[in-house]
Amino acid sequence: MQGLAVVLFPVLLMLFALFMERVENRLRKLLEPSEEVQQYLDRASNAEVSELAKLGVPPAAARLPRRRGGDNLDVAAAS
């Protein structure tokens, strides 16, 4: 019985590592910033980015003034 455990442990560990790699890849794709977010961060001032990081996206977006009238992003619905 102990010999079987010695053989199965590395195999199960490898399968777990492969599974976790797949989970990590899916999470990485989900967490990539969208093009709109990247454009906002490129245009934003340091103060705006600091407030965004401190408060979180929906509260910070509500406190920041709109830059353009036609550029209405519903950040709360996107998050």
C-alpha atoms as a PDB file:
ATOM      1  CA  MET A   1       0.000   0.000   0.000  1.00  0.00           C
ATOM      2  CA  GLN A   2       2.793   2.402   0.846  1.00  0.00           C
ATOM      3  CA  GLY A   3       4.504   1.695  -2.493  1.00  0.00           C
ATOM      4  CA  LEU A   4       1.330   2.602  -4.359  1.00  0.00           C
ATOM      5  CA  ALA A   5       1.144   5.941  -2.523  1.00  0.00           C
ATOM      6  CA  VAL A   6       4.772   6.683  -3.431  1.00  0.00           C
ATOM      7  CA  VAL A   7       3.957   6.127  -7.093  1.00  0.00           C
ATOM      8  CA  LEU A   8       0.602   7.952  -7.127  1.00  0.00           C
ATOM      9  CA  PHE A   9       1.702  11.076  -5.268  1.00  0.00           C
ATOM     10  CA  PRO A  10       3.963  12.469  -8.044  1.00  0.00           C
ATOM     11  CA  VAL A  11       1.357  11.640 -10.685  1.00  0.00           C
ATOM     12  CA  LEU A  12      -1.419  13.379  -8.741  1.00  0.00           C
ATOM     13  CA  LEU A  13       0.848  16.329  -8.035  1.00  0.00           C
ATOM     14  CA  MET A  14       1.625  16.697 -11.754  1.00  0.00           C
ATOM     15  CA  LEU A  15      -2.074  16.498 -12.674  1.00  0.00           C
ATOM     16  CA  PHE A  16      -2.878  19.133 -10.055  1.00  0.00           C
ATOM     17  CA  ALA A  17      -0.127  21.410 -11.423  1.00  0.00           C
ATOM     18  CA  LEU A  18      -1.458  21.042 -14.983  1.00  0.00           C
ATOM     19  CA  PHE A  19      -4.999  21.794 -13.808  1.00  0.00           C
ATOM     20  CA  MET A  20      -3.850  24.894 -11.919  1.00  0.00           C
ATOM     21  CA  GLU A  21      -1.959  26.109 -15.008  1.00  0.00           C
ATOM     22  CA  ARG A  22      -5.170  25.953 -17.028  1.00  0.00           C
ATOM     23  CA  VAL A  23      -7.050  27.837 -14.307  1.00  0.00           C
ATOM     24  CA  GLU A  24      -4.300  30.479 -14.204  1.00  0.00           C
ATOM     25  CA  ASN A  25      -4.412  30.959 -17.985  1.00  0.00           C
ATOM     26  CA  ARG A  26      -8.192  31.440 -17.938  1.00  0.00           C
ATOM     27  CA  LEU A  27      -7.948  33.925 -15.073  1.00  0.00           C
ATOM     28  CA  ARG A  28      -5.194  35.825 -16.849  1.00  0.00           C
ATOM     29  CA  LYS A  29      -7.408  36.194 -19.941  1.00  0.00           C
ATOM     30  CA  LEU A  30     -10.344  37.369 -17.813  1.00  0.00           C
ATOM     31  CA  LEU A  31      -8.254  39.911 -15.919  1.00  0.00           C
ATOM     32  CA  GLU A  32      -6.574  41.542 -18.919  1.00  0.00           C
ATOM     33  CA  PRO A  33      -7.591  45.174 -19.090  1.00  0.00           C
ATOM     34  CA  SER A  34      -9.979  45.936 -21.898  1.00  0.00           C
ATOM     35  CA  GLU A  35      -9.044  48.452 -24.582  1.00  0.00           C
ATOM     36  CA  GLU A  36     -11.288  51.111 -23.004  1.00  0.00           C
ATOM     37  CA  VAL A  37      -9.650  50.664 -19.601  1.00  0.00           C
ATOM     38  CA  GLN A  38      -6.191  50.835 -21.122  1.00  0.00           C
ATOM     39  CA  GLN A  39      -7.082  54.038 -22.997  1.00  0.00           C
ATOM     40  CA  TYR A  40      -8.443  55.593 -19.804  1.00  0.00           C
ATOM     41  CA  LEU A  41      -5.296  54.710 -17.871  1.00  0.00           C
ATOM     42  CA  ASP A  42      -3.156  56.169 -20.647  1.00  0.00           C
ATOM     43  CA  ARG A  43      -5.095  59.487 -20.493  1.00  0.00           C
ATOM     44  CA  ALA A  44      -5.619  59.666 -16.729  1.00  0.00           C
ATOM     45  CA  SER A  45      -3.558  61.827 -14.408  1.00  0.00           C
ATOM     46  CA  ASN A  46      -1.621  60.372 -11.489  1.00  0.00           C
ATOM     47  CA  ALA A  47      -4.231  61.663  -9.034  1.00  0.00           C
ATOM     48  CA  GLU A  48      -7.040  59.936 -10.923  1.00  0.00           C
ATOM     49  CA  VAL A  49      -5.151  56.648 -11.054  1.00  0.00           C
ATOM     50  CA  SER A  50      -4.295  56.907  -7.345  1.00  0.00           C
ATOM     51  CA  GLU A  51      -7.950  57.495  -6.466  1.00  0.00           C
ATOM     52  CA  LEU A  52      -8.984  54.604  -8.699  1.00  0.00           C
ATOM     53  CA  ALA A  53      -6.538  52.289  -6.933  1.00  0.00           C
ATOM     54  CA  LYS A  54      -7.532  53.511  -3.462  1.00  0.00           C
ATOM     55  CA  LEU A  55     -11.324  53.462  -3.809  1.00  0.00           C
ATOM     56  CA  GLY A  56     -11.950  50.835  -6.452  1.00  0.00           C
ATOM     57  CA  VAL A  57     -13.428  51.272  -9.904  1.00  0.00           C
ATOM     58  CA  PRO A  58     -17.145  52.094  -9.331  1.00  0.00           C
ATOM     59  CA  PRO A  59     -16.706  54.635  -6.479  1.00  0.00           C
ATOM     60  CA  ALA A  60     -13.753  56.325  -8.197  1.00  0.00           C
ATOM     61  CA  ALA A  61     -15.624  56.551 -11.496  1.00  0.00           C
ATOM     62  CA  ALA A  62     -18.581  58.179  -9.746  1.00  0.00           C
ATOM     63  CA  ARG A  63     -16.336  60.830  -8.154  1.00  0.00           C
ATOM     64  CA  LEU A  64     -14.351  61.717 -11.272  1.00  0.00           C
ATOM     65  CA  PRO A  65     -15.808  64.274 -13.684  1.00  0.00           C
ATOM     66  CA  ARG A  66     -16.691  63.143 -17.188  1.00  0.00           C
ATOM     67  CA  ARG A  67     -14.059  64.196 -19.703  1.00  0.00           C
ATOM     68  CA  ARG A  68     -16.348  64.237 -22.730  1.00  0.00           C
ATOM     69  CA  GLY A  69     -20.112  64.372 -22.972  1.00  0.00           C
ATOM     70  CA  GLY A  70     -20.418  61.513 -25.487  1.00  0.00           C
ATOM     71  CA  ASP A  71     -18.004  59.187 -23.710  1.00  0.00           C
ATOM     72  CA  ASN A  72     -20.370  57.620 -21.183  1.00  0.00           C
ATOM     73  CA  LEU A  73     -18.858  54.483 -19.749  1.00  0.00           C
ATOM     74  CA  ASP A  74     -20.945  52.573 -17.252  1.00  0.00           C
ATOM     75  CA  VAL A  75     -18.098  51.301 -15.095  1.00  0.00           C
ATOM     76  CA  ALA A  76     -20.382  49.798 -12.465  1.00  0.00           C
ATOM     77  CA  ALA A  77     -22.098  47.623 -15.077  1.00  0.00           C
ATOM     78  CA  ALA A  78     -18.757  46.552 -16.547  1.00  0.00           C
ATOM     79  CA  SER A  79     -17.355  45.367 -13.229  1.00  0.00           C
END
